[in-house]
Amino acid sequence: MGVLISLIIILFWGTHLFYLLSSFEVSFSNPLLYFHILLQGYLYTGLFITGHDAMHRLVSKNLKINKIIGQLSTFLFAALSYNRLVKNHFMHHKYPGTEKDPDYSIRSQNFFVWYFTFMYRYATILQLVMMAVLFNVLKIWFDEINIWMFWVIPAFWGSLQLFYFGTYLPHRKPHEEEMEPHKARTQSKNHLWAMLSCYFFGYHFEHHDDVRVPWWKLYETKTIE
């Protein structure tokens, strides 16, 4: 089931992106433009969530298939280094909300400071070079405005969605007693909103409490209203 769900997300992301790059005429007065940007951003979020599940070996019991899907998902998201993500993510689970947590901001809880610190820690020179190359390759076949609207902007939107619902809201201070031992809070029980906001990752205490649960089953662990 994990492989099937992962491939559906990847296929939906790729099909929708190809349609937007090749066939959609950008007009800022067309409400569908903004709908497609938001939808593509949501699919970008799904790519990363798929890569995240692969980090926890939840996509496939076959470790080679699991890693391939994880690498593919994170590469399609923004040419991210899967190995770097795995290393940092396990540090995040081991030392949540501390100075050893690469996803946490000790110096400032300001949203923008924390977000740009978060992005900086995952960016690499190789990634930036690869994204620049891909951008110029895409320009061979597609209009540049479409690339910006549907390839660049949705990726940033997806990163904001992931950061806000999967890092900032769950882990920001103050750390109340009920957040221990993971220093993670959980959003109110609402499965529809949890799915739309970040593929159930607003149920963040539950994720930290049992990392063996794939994203599409996280709602089953939710008990607090």
Protein backbone atom coordinates (compact mmCIF):
# COMPACT_ATOMS: atom_id res chain seq x y z
CA MET A 1 0.00 0.00 0.00
CA GLY A 2 2.86 2.39 0.80
CA VAL A 3 4.41 1.93 -2.65
CA LEU A 4 1.04 2.39 -4.37
CA ILE A 5 0.20 5.58 -2.48
CA SER A 6 3.69 6.96 -3.10
CA LEU A 7 3.50 6.28 -6.84
CA ILE A 8 0.03 7.86 -7.06
CA ILE A 9 1.37 11.07 -5.47
CA ILE A 10 4.42 11.14 -7.75
CA LEU A 11 2.30 10.43 -10.84
CA PHE A 12 -0.31 13.03 -9.92
CA TRP A 13 2.43 15.61 -9.26
CA GLY A 14 4.15 14.89 -12.58
CA THR A 15 0.97 14.75 -14.68
CA HIS A 16 -0.43 17.96 -13.23
CA LEU A 17 2.90 19.73 -13.64
CA PHE A 18 3.27 18.65 -17.26
CA TYR A 19 -0.25 19.87 -18.05
CA LEU A 20 0.43 23.24 -16.42
CA LEU A 21 3.80 23.72 -18.11
CA SER A 22 2.67 22.64 -21.55
CA SER A 23 -0.97 23.67 -21.85
CA PHE A 24 -2.05 26.23 -19.25
CA GLU A 25 -2.05 29.85 -20.38
CA VAL A 26 -0.99 32.10 -17.52
CA SER A 27 -3.41 34.96 -16.89
CA PHE A 28 -3.36 36.72 -13.53
CA SER A 29 -7.07 37.52 -13.88
CA ASN A 30 -7.94 33.81 -14.11
CA PRO A 31 -8.87 32.35 -10.69
CA LEU A 32 -7.84 28.90 -11.92
CA LEU A 33 -4.23 30.08 -11.97
CA TYR A 34 -4.20 30.41 -8.19
CA PHE A 35 -6.09 27.17 -7.70
CA HIS A 36 -3.50 25.27 -9.74
CA ILE A 37 -0.60 26.92 -7.89
CA LEU A 38 -2.11 25.87 -4.55
CA LEU A 39 -2.87 22.37 -5.80
CA GLN A 40 0.63 21.92 -7.21
CA GLY A 41 2.08 23.23 -3.93
CA TYR A 42 0.00 20.65 -2.08
CA LEU A 43 1.36 17.93 -4.35
CA TYR A 44 4.89 19.15 -3.67
CA THR A 45 4.11 18.73 0.03
CA GLY A 46 3.00 15.19 -0.76
CA LEU A 47 6.33 14.51 -2.46
CA PHE A 48 8.24 15.48 0.64
CA ILE A 49 5.91 13.55 2.94
CA THR A 50 6.54 10.50 0.73
CA GLY A 51 10.29 11.04 1.07
CA HIS A 52 9.82 11.46 4.81
CA ASP A 53 8.03 8.13 5.11
CA ALA A 54 10.85 6.53 3.15
CA MET A 55 13.32 7.89 5.72
CA HIS A 56 11.39 5.91 8.33
CA ARG A 57 11.32 2.86 6.00
CA LEU A 58 7.53 2.98 5.77
CA VAL A 59 7.09 3.04 1.99
CA SER A 60 8.26 -0.51 1.31
CA LYS A 61 9.69 -3.39 3.30
CA ASN A 62 12.16 -3.80 0.44
CA LEU A 63 14.89 -1.38 1.49
CA LYS A 64 16.14 -0.78 -2.05
CA ILE A 65 12.66 0.12 -3.33
CA ASN A 66 12.05 2.21 -0.22
CA LYS A 67 15.27 4.20 -0.76
CA ILE A 68 14.70 4.65 -4.50
CA ILE A 69 11.24 6.11 -3.90
CA GLY A 70 12.61 8.32 -1.13
CA GLN A 71 15.44 9.59 -3.32
CA LEU A 72 13.11 10.16 -6.27
CA SER A 73 10.56 12.06 -4.17
CA THR A 74 13.07 14.38 -2.53
CA PHE A 75 14.88 14.98 -5.82
CA LEU A 76 11.63 15.91 -7.58
CA PHE A 77 10.76 18.23 -4.71
CA ALA A 78 13.89 20.38 -5.10
CA ALA A 79 16.92 18.18 -5.87
CA LEU A 80 17.33 17.65 -2.12
CA SER A 81 20.03 15.34 -0.77
CA TYR A 82 18.20 12.29 0.59
CA ASN A 83 21.18 11.21 2.70
CA ARG A 84 21.44 14.67 4.27
CA LEU A 85 17.71 14.63 5.00
CA VAL A 86 17.92 11.21 6.66
CA LYS A 87 20.82 12.28 8.89
CA ASN A 88 19.15 15.52 9.98
CA HIS A 89 15.72 14.00 10.42
CA PHE A 90 16.91 11.33 12.79
CA MET A 91 18.76 13.99 14.78
CA HIS A 92 15.45 15.86 14.94
CA HIS A 93 13.71 12.82 16.41
CA LYS A 94 16.54 12.11 18.84
CA TYR A 95 16.93 15.68 20.12
CA PRO A 96 13.62 17.48 19.42
CA GLY A 97 13.41 21.13 20.37
CA THR A 98 17.04 21.37 21.53
CA GLU A 99 20.22 22.93 20.17
CA LYS A 100 21.13 19.54 18.68
CA ASP A 101 17.91 19.48 16.63
CA PRO A 102 18.76 20.68 13.08
CA ASP A 103 15.10 21.55 12.45
CA TYR A 104 14.79 23.75 15.54
CA SER A 105 15.68 27.41 16.03
CA ILE A 106 17.26 28.04 19.41
CA ARG A 107 18.13 31.69 18.79
CA SER A 108 14.77 32.92 17.53
CA GLN A 109 11.19 31.71 17.47
CA ASN A 110 10.30 34.29 14.83
CA PHE A 111 8.59 32.48 11.96
CA PHE A 112 10.68 34.00 9.17
CA VAL A 113 14.02 33.73 10.97
CA TRP A 114 13.29 30.11 11.79
CA TYR A 115 12.08 29.32 8.26
CA PHE A 116 15.15 30.75 6.51
CA THR A 117 17.44 29.06 9.05
CA PHE A 118 15.58 25.80 8.37
CA MET A 119 15.96 26.20 4.60
CA TYR A 120 19.64 27.15 4.86
CA ARG A 121 20.45 23.99 6.81
CA TYR A 122 19.07 21.78 4.05
CA ALA A 123 20.41 23.68 1.05
CA THR A 124 23.62 22.61 -0.69
CA ILE A 125 25.67 24.08 -3.51
CA LEU A 126 25.06 20.96 -5.60
CA GLN A 127 21.31 21.29 -5.09
CA LEU A 128 21.30 24.93 -6.21
CA VAL A 129 23.39 24.11 -9.27
CA MET A 130 21.09 21.23 -10.21
CA MET A 131 17.98 23.37 -9.83
CA ALA A 132 19.53 26.09 -12.01
CA VAL A 133 20.39 23.52 -14.68
CA LEU A 134 16.89 22.01 -14.55
CA PHE A 135 15.33 25.47 -14.83
CA ASN A 136 17.28 26.19 -18.00
CA VAL A 137 16.54 22.77 -19.45
CA LEU A 138 12.81 23.30 -18.87
CA LYS A 139 13.06 26.63 -20.71
CA ILE A 140 13.91 24.70 -23.87
CA TRP A 141 10.38 23.27 -24.02
CA PHE A 142 8.17 25.47 -21.85
CA ASP A 143 7.43 29.17 -21.37
CA GLU A 144 9.46 30.71 -18.56
CA ILE A 145 6.38 32.26 -16.92
CA ASN A 146 4.83 28.79 -16.62
CA ILE A 147 8.01 27.44 -15.06
CA TRP A 148 7.98 30.18 -12.44
CA MET A 149 4.26 29.85 -11.71
CA PHE A 150 4.01 26.06 -11.57
CA TRP A 151 7.50 24.69 -10.89
CA VAL A 152 9.23 27.30 -8.73
CA ILE A 153 6.47 28.99 -6.72
CA PRO A 154 4.61 25.77 -5.75
CA ALA A 155 7.87 24.27 -4.48
CA PHE A 156 8.34 27.26 -2.16
CA TRP A 157 4.67 27.08 -1.17
CA GLY A 158 5.10 23.38 -0.35
CA SER A 159 8.15 24.15 1.79
CA LEU A 160 6.15 26.79 3.70
CA GLN A 161 3.30 24.35 4.23
CA LEU A 162 5.67 21.67 5.50
CA PHE A 163 7.51 24.08 7.77
CA TYR A 164 4.44 25.78 9.23
CA PHE A 165 2.36 22.69 9.97
CA GLY A 166 5.13 20.13 10.42
CA THR A 167 7.78 22.11 12.33
CA TYR A 168 6.80 25.59 13.48
CA LEU A 169 3.37 24.94 14.99
CA PRO A 170 4.24 21.58 16.59
CA HIS A 171 7.62 22.55 18.09
CA ARG A 172 7.55 26.28 18.84
CA LYS A 173 7.81 27.49 22.42
CA PRO A 174 6.49 27.44 25.04
CA HIS A 175 7.00 23.72 25.53
CA GLU A 176 4.14 22.65 27.76
CA GLU A 177 4.19 19.54 29.95
CA GLU A 178 1.87 17.65 27.61
CA MET A 179 4.42 18.06 24.80
CA GLU A 180 6.99 15.92 26.59
CA PRO A 181 9.04 13.88 25.90
CA HIS A 182 8.97 14.88 22.21
CA LYS A 183 8.55 18.66 22.65
CA ALA A 184 5.79 18.31 20.09
CA ARG A 185 2.18 19.41 20.27
CA THR A 186 -0.73 18.14 18.20
CA GLN A 187 -3.51 19.97 16.39
CA SER A 188 -7.15 19.54 17.29
CA LYS A 189 -8.83 16.45 15.94
CA ASN A 190 -10.22 17.19 12.49
CA HIS A 191 -9.18 14.61 9.93
CA LEU A 192 -10.25 16.63 6.88
CA TRP A 193 -8.29 19.71 7.93
CA ALA A 194 -5.35 17.56 9.04
CA MET A 195 -5.20 15.98 5.58
CA LEU A 196 -5.63 19.26 3.69
CA SER A 197 -3.15 21.18 5.82
CA CYS A 198 -0.24 18.74 5.76
CA TYR A 199 -1.14 15.09 5.15
CA PHE A 200 -1.98 14.49 8.84
CA PHE A 201 1.35 15.85 10.08
CA GLY A 202 -0.44 18.34 12.28
CA TYR A 203 -0.94 15.24 14.42
CA HIS A 204 2.69 15.70 15.25
CA PHE A 205 2.95 14.36 18.78
CA GLU A 206 1.44 11.15 17.46
CA HIS A 207 4.09 10.95 14.74
CA HIS A 208 6.95 11.41 17.22
CA ASP A 209 5.33 8.96 19.60
CA ASP A 210 5.28 6.18 17.02
CA VAL A 211 7.39 6.72 13.91
CA ARG A 212 6.33 3.32 12.56
CA VAL A 213 2.95 4.73 11.48
CA PRO A 214 2.84 5.89 7.81
CA TRP A 215 1.36 9.32 7.09
CA TRP A 216 -1.85 7.87 5.68
CA LYS A 217 -2.55 6.02 8.96
CA LEU A 218 -1.64 8.82 11.36
CA TYR A 219 -5.27 9.81 11.80
CA GLU A 220 -5.91 6.39 13.38
CA THR A 221 -3.55 7.26 16.26
CA LYS A 222 -5.34 10.51 17.06
CA THR A 223 -7.22 10.32 20.37
CA ILE A 224 -7.16 13.91 21.72
CA GLU A 225 -9.99 16.14 20.51
